[in-house]
Every structure is written in structure tokens, then in C-alpha cells.
Amino acid sequence: MRAPAGRGRSQAAARGFGRGGRGQFADATPDVIEEVGELLHECEGELVCNLTHKKVPYFNGAILLQNKVIIGKVEEIFGPINAVVRFLLLSMNQY
């Protein structure tokens, strides 16, 4: 006997979104690392950095050291879009 219509997997689960099927990406380190900024100071467990790169970093983008160790993710970006001055890192030990 078959289950009545509408029972079993939801439509979201049928599309691959059920039980964590979405948004899971591997933390792959890039082959080439470019300098994005320099550390200014620490404030309440977060790092404030000065932008030295011409491109604006992505929100929640990982920031790595030269030895490819992730030290944090971009949380805030300060300044206008065409002249970003600083960005704020959320330290890895906070999440």
C-alpha cells in the first residue's frame, strides 16, 4: 500500500534543500594569496584592518595569513564603495 499523496519528503527536500543540503562548501584554500590589508588594532575581540588592495573584499570572505591559515572573516566594510578605507575581521575563535 502506498502512502497518501503529500506525505513523505517535502518539496524543499525533493529539491535538495532538506536537512542541510544547501550552503555547504568546502573550505578550500586558494593557490595564490594576495595582500588585502594591514592590521591597525584590535577592538573588543575583533581586528580592524586598513585596506591596501584596489579591490573590495567580499562580506564573510575568509582572510588568510601568508602560510594559508584562516584568521578570520570580513564582517564590516567602512567607507564608500569607490574608496574603502577599513574593514573589520571577526576572529576565528569567536564562532
N, C-alpha and C. Protein backbone atom coordinates (compact mmCIF):
# COMPACT_ATOMS: atom_id res chain seq x y z
N MET A 1 0.84 -1.17 0.00
CA MET A 1 0.00 0.00 0.00
C MET A 1 0.89 1.24 0.00
N ARG A 2 0.56 2.21 -0.81
CA ARG A 2 1.33 3.44 -0.92
C ARG A 2 0.82 4.49 0.06
N ALA A 3 1.74 5.38 0.45
CA ALA A 3 1.36 6.48 1.35
C ALA A 3 0.48 7.46 0.60
N PRO A 4 -0.46 8.11 1.31
CA PRO A 4 -1.31 9.10 0.65
C PRO A 4 -0.47 10.23 0.05
N ALA A 5 -1.02 10.88 -0.96
CA ALA A 5 -0.31 11.97 -1.63
C ALA A 5 0.00 13.08 -0.63
N GLY A 6 1.15 13.68 -0.75
CA GLY A 6 1.53 14.76 0.13
C GLY A 6 2.31 14.31 1.35
N ARG A 7 2.51 13.03 1.50
CA ARG A 7 3.27 12.53 2.65
C ARG A 7 4.68 12.17 2.19
N GLY A 8 5.57 12.05 3.12
CA GLY A 8 6.94 11.70 2.77
C GLY A 8 7.80 12.94 2.68
N ARG A 9 8.66 13.00 1.69
CA ARG A 9 9.58 14.13 1.57
C ARG A 9 8.82 15.39 1.18
N SER A 10 9.26 16.51 1.73
CA SER A 10 8.66 17.79 1.34
C SER A 10 9.22 18.22 -0.02
N GLN A 11 8.61 19.23 -0.59
CA GLN A 11 9.12 19.72 -1.88
C GLN A 11 10.51 20.31 -1.73
N ALA A 12 10.78 20.94 -0.59
CA ALA A 12 12.11 21.50 -0.36
C ALA A 12 13.15 20.39 -0.29
N ALA A 13 12.81 19.30 0.37
CA ALA A 13 13.74 18.18 0.46
C ALA A 13 13.93 17.53 -0.91
N ALA A 14 12.89 17.52 -1.72
CA ALA A 14 12.99 16.93 -3.05
C ALA A 14 13.92 17.74 -3.95
N ARG A 15 14.03 19.05 -3.69
CA ARG A 15 14.92 19.90 -4.49
C ARG A 15 16.35 19.89 -3.97
N GLY A 16 16.60 19.20 -2.86
CA GLY A 16 17.95 19.14 -2.34
C GLY A 16 18.22 20.12 -1.21
N PHE A 17 17.17 20.82 -0.73
CA PHE A 17 17.36 21.81 0.32
C PHE A 17 17.07 21.24 1.71
N GLY A 18 16.60 20.04 1.81
CA GLY A 18 16.23 19.48 3.10
C GLY A 18 17.43 18.97 3.87
N ARG A 19 17.43 19.16 5.15
CA ARG A 19 18.45 18.65 6.07
C ARG A 19 19.87 19.05 5.70
N GLY A 20 20.06 20.32 5.45
CA GLY A 20 21.41 20.83 5.26
C GLY A 20 22.00 20.60 3.88
N GLY A 21 21.19 20.41 2.88
CA GLY A 21 21.70 20.17 1.54
C GLY A 21 22.13 21.43 0.81
N ARG A 22 21.97 22.58 1.44
CA ARG A 22 22.28 23.84 0.77
C ARG A 22 23.29 24.63 1.59
N GLY A 23 24.22 25.26 0.93
CA GLY A 23 25.14 26.16 1.61
C GLY A 23 26.33 25.47 2.26
N GLN A 24 26.59 24.26 1.93
CA GLN A 24 27.74 23.57 2.49
C GLN A 24 28.85 23.55 1.46
N PHE A 25 29.90 24.31 1.72
CA PHE A 25 31.01 24.40 0.79
C PHE A 25 32.28 23.97 1.50
N ALA A 26 33.19 23.41 0.76
CA ALA A 26 34.48 23.01 1.33
C ALA A 26 35.34 24.25 1.57
N ASP A 27 36.08 24.25 2.64
CA ASP A 27 36.99 25.36 2.93
C ASP A 27 38.30 25.13 2.21
N ALA A 28 38.29 25.37 0.91
CA ALA A 28 39.48 25.17 0.09
C ALA A 28 40.32 26.44 0.12
N THR A 29 41.60 26.30 0.33
CA THR A 29 42.49 27.46 0.31
C THR A 29 42.92 27.73 -1.12
N PRO A 30 43.06 28.99 -1.50
CA PRO A 30 43.45 29.33 -2.86
C PRO A 30 44.92 29.03 -3.12
N ASP A 31 45.26 28.89 -4.39
CA ASP A 31 46.65 28.66 -4.78
C ASP A 31 47.49 29.93 -4.63
N VAL A 32 46.89 31.07 -4.95
CA VAL A 32 47.59 32.35 -4.89
C VAL A 32 46.94 33.22 -3.83
N ILE A 33 47.76 33.82 -2.97
CA ILE A 33 47.24 34.70 -1.93
C ILE A 33 47.75 36.11 -2.19
N GLU A 34 46.83 37.08 -2.18
CA GLU A 34 47.18 38.47 -2.40
C GLU A 34 47.00 39.24 -1.10
N GLU A 35 47.84 40.23 -0.89
CA GLU A 35 47.70 41.07 0.30
C GLU A 35 46.49 41.97 0.15
N VAL A 36 45.62 41.96 1.17
CA VAL A 36 44.40 42.76 1.14
C VAL A 36 44.52 43.98 2.02
N GLY A 37 45.19 43.84 3.17
CA GLY A 37 45.28 44.96 4.09
C GLY A 37 46.31 44.71 5.16
N GLU A 38 46.39 45.68 6.06
CA GLU A 38 47.31 45.56 7.19
C GLU A 38 46.55 45.85 8.47
N LEU A 39 46.96 45.19 9.53
CA LEU A 39 46.30 45.30 10.82
C LEU A 39 46.56 46.67 11.45
N LEU A 40 45.48 47.33 11.90
CA LEU A 40 45.62 48.60 12.61
C LEU A 40 45.63 48.36 14.11
N HIS A 41 44.56 47.73 14.61
CA HIS A 41 44.48 47.43 16.03
C HIS A 41 43.36 46.42 16.30
N GLU A 42 43.28 45.98 17.54
CA GLU A 42 42.23 45.06 17.96
C GLU A 42 41.24 45.84 18.81
N CYS A 43 39.96 45.54 18.66
CA CYS A 43 38.92 46.22 19.42
C CYS A 43 37.84 45.21 19.78
N GLU A 44 37.70 44.93 21.06
CA GLU A 44 36.67 44.02 21.58
C GLU A 44 36.69 42.67 20.88
N GLY A 45 37.85 42.11 20.69
CA GLY A 45 37.99 40.78 20.10
C GLY A 45 37.92 40.74 18.59
N GLU A 46 37.80 41.87 17.95
CA GLU A 46 37.77 41.94 16.50
C GLU A 46 38.97 42.73 16.01
N LEU A 47 39.38 42.45 14.78
CA LEU A 47 40.56 43.10 14.21
C LEU A 47 40.13 44.18 13.23
N VAL A 48 40.68 45.37 13.37
CA VAL A 48 40.41 46.47 12.45
C VAL A 48 41.61 46.57 11.52
N CYS A 49 41.34 46.51 10.21
CA CYS A 49 42.41 46.48 9.21
C CYS A 49 42.27 47.64 8.24
N ASN A 50 43.39 48.11 7.72
CA ASN A 50 43.44 49.14 6.70
C ASN A 50 43.53 48.45 5.35
N LEU A 51 42.70 48.84 4.40
CA LEU A 51 42.68 48.22 3.08
C LEU A 51 43.85 48.74 2.24
N THR A 52 44.66 47.82 1.69
CA THR A 52 45.77 48.20 0.82
C THR A 52 45.59 47.69 -0.60
N HIS A 53 44.57 46.88 -0.84
CA HIS A 53 44.31 46.31 -2.16
C HIS A 53 43.32 47.19 -2.90
N LYS A 54 43.36 47.19 -4.23
CA LYS A 54 42.44 48.04 -5.00
C LYS A 54 41.02 47.48 -5.05
N LYS A 55 40.85 46.17 -4.82
CA LYS A 55 39.53 45.56 -4.84
C LYS A 55 38.95 45.48 -3.43
N VAL A 56 37.64 45.59 -3.33
CA VAL A 56 36.94 45.50 -2.05
C VAL A 56 36.75 44.03 -1.69
N PRO A 57 37.06 43.61 -0.45
CA PRO A 57 36.86 42.21 -0.08
C PRO A 57 35.37 41.88 0.05
N TYR A 58 35.03 40.61 -0.15
CA TYR A 58 33.65 40.14 -0.01
C TYR A 58 33.27 40.08 1.46
N PHE A 59 31.98 40.32 1.76
CA PHE A 59 31.47 40.09 3.10
C PHE A 59 31.56 38.59 3.40
N ASN A 60 31.93 38.25 4.60
CA ASN A 60 32.12 36.87 5.05
C ASN A 60 33.22 36.15 4.29
N GLY A 61 34.03 36.88 3.55
CA GLY A 61 35.17 36.28 2.85
C GLY A 61 36.27 35.95 3.85
N ALA A 62 36.90 34.81 3.69
CA ALA A 62 37.97 34.38 4.60
C ALA A 62 39.22 35.21 4.37
N ILE A 63 39.90 35.56 5.45
CA ILE A 63 41.18 36.25 5.40
C ILE A 63 42.25 35.30 5.92
N LEU A 64 43.30 35.13 5.13
CA LEU A 64 44.35 34.16 5.45
C LEU A 64 45.68 34.86 5.68
N LEU A 65 46.55 34.19 6.41
CA LEU A 65 47.94 34.63 6.53
C LEU A 65 48.73 34.11 5.33
N GLN A 66 49.98 34.48 5.23
CA GLN A 66 50.81 34.01 4.11
C GLN A 66 50.99 32.50 4.10
N ASN A 67 50.91 31.86 5.28
CA ASN A 67 51.05 30.41 5.35
C ASN A 67 49.71 29.69 5.20
N LYS A 68 48.68 30.40 4.66
CA LYS A 68 47.36 29.88 4.34
C LYS A 68 46.55 29.40 5.55
N VAL A 69 46.74 30.04 6.69
CA VAL A 69 45.94 29.77 7.89
C VAL A 69 44.86 30.84 7.97
N ILE A 70 43.59 30.42 8.06
CA ILE A 70 42.48 31.36 8.13
C ILE A 70 42.48 32.03 9.50
N ILE A 71 42.50 33.36 9.51
CA ILE A 71 42.49 34.08 10.79
C ILE A 71 41.16 34.75 11.07
N GLY A 72 40.30 34.87 10.09
CA GLY A 72 39.01 35.49 10.32
C GLY A 72 38.23 35.67 9.04
N LYS A 73 37.05 36.29 9.17
CA LYS A 73 36.19 36.57 8.03
C LYS A 73 35.78 38.03 8.07
N VAL A 74 35.58 38.63 6.90
CA VAL A 74 35.21 40.04 6.79
C VAL A 74 33.80 40.23 7.33
N GLU A 75 33.66 41.12 8.31
CA GLU A 75 32.35 41.36 8.92
C GLU A 75 31.77 42.70 8.51
N GLU A 76 32.57 43.75 8.50
CA GLU A 76 32.12 45.10 8.15
C GLU A 76 33.12 45.73 7.20
N ILE A 77 32.63 46.59 6.32
CA ILE A 77 33.48 47.35 5.41
C ILE A 77 33.12 48.82 5.57
N PHE A 78 34.12 49.67 5.85
CA PHE A 78 33.89 51.09 6.11
C PHE A 78 34.36 51.94 4.95
N GLY A 79 33.57 52.95 4.62
CA GLY A 79 33.91 53.88 3.55
C GLY A 79 33.01 53.68 2.35
N PRO A 80 33.04 54.64 1.42
CA PRO A 80 32.23 54.50 0.20
C PRO A 80 32.76 53.38 -0.68
N ILE A 81 31.93 52.87 -1.56
CA ILE A 81 32.26 51.71 -2.38
C ILE A 81 33.47 51.97 -3.28
N ASN A 82 33.68 53.22 -3.69
CA ASN A 82 34.80 53.51 -4.59
C ASN A 82 36.07 53.93 -3.84
N ALA A 83 36.00 54.05 -2.51
CA ALA A 83 37.18 54.44 -1.73
C ALA A 83 37.11 53.82 -0.34
N VAL A 84 37.10 52.51 -0.28
CA VAL A 84 37.03 51.81 1.00
C VAL A 84 38.30 52.08 1.79
N VAL A 85 38.14 52.37 3.06
CA VAL A 85 39.29 52.71 3.89
C VAL A 85 39.66 51.56 4.81
N ARG A 86 38.68 50.99 5.51
CA ARG A 86 38.96 49.97 6.51
C ARG A 86 37.95 48.85 6.44
N PHE A 87 38.33 47.70 7.00
CA PHE A 87 37.39 46.61 7.16
C PHE A 87 37.62 45.94 8.49
N LEU A 88 36.61 45.25 8.97
CA LEU A 88 36.62 44.64 10.29
C LEU A 88 36.57 43.12 10.14
N LEU A 89 37.46 42.43 10.85
CA LEU A 89 37.50 40.98 10.81
C LEU A 89 36.90 40.39 12.07
N LEU A 90 36.10 39.38 11.90
CA LEU A 90 35.60 38.61 13.01
C LEU A 90 36.60 37.51 13.25
N SER A 91 37.21 37.47 14.43
CA SER A 91 38.25 36.47 14.72
C SER A 91 37.66 35.07 14.67
N MET A 92 38.48 34.11 14.27
CA MET A 92 38.04 32.71 14.16
C MET A 92 37.64 32.12 15.50
N ASN A 93 38.21 32.59 16.60
CA ASN A 93 37.90 31.99 17.89
C ASN A 93 36.56 32.45 18.43
N GLN A 94 35.82 33.30 17.70
CA GLN A 94 34.54 33.77 18.19
C GLN A 94 33.36 32.99 17.61
N TYR A 95 33.56 32.14 16.63
CA TYR A 95 32.44 31.37 16.10
C TYR A 95 32.80 29.95 15.88
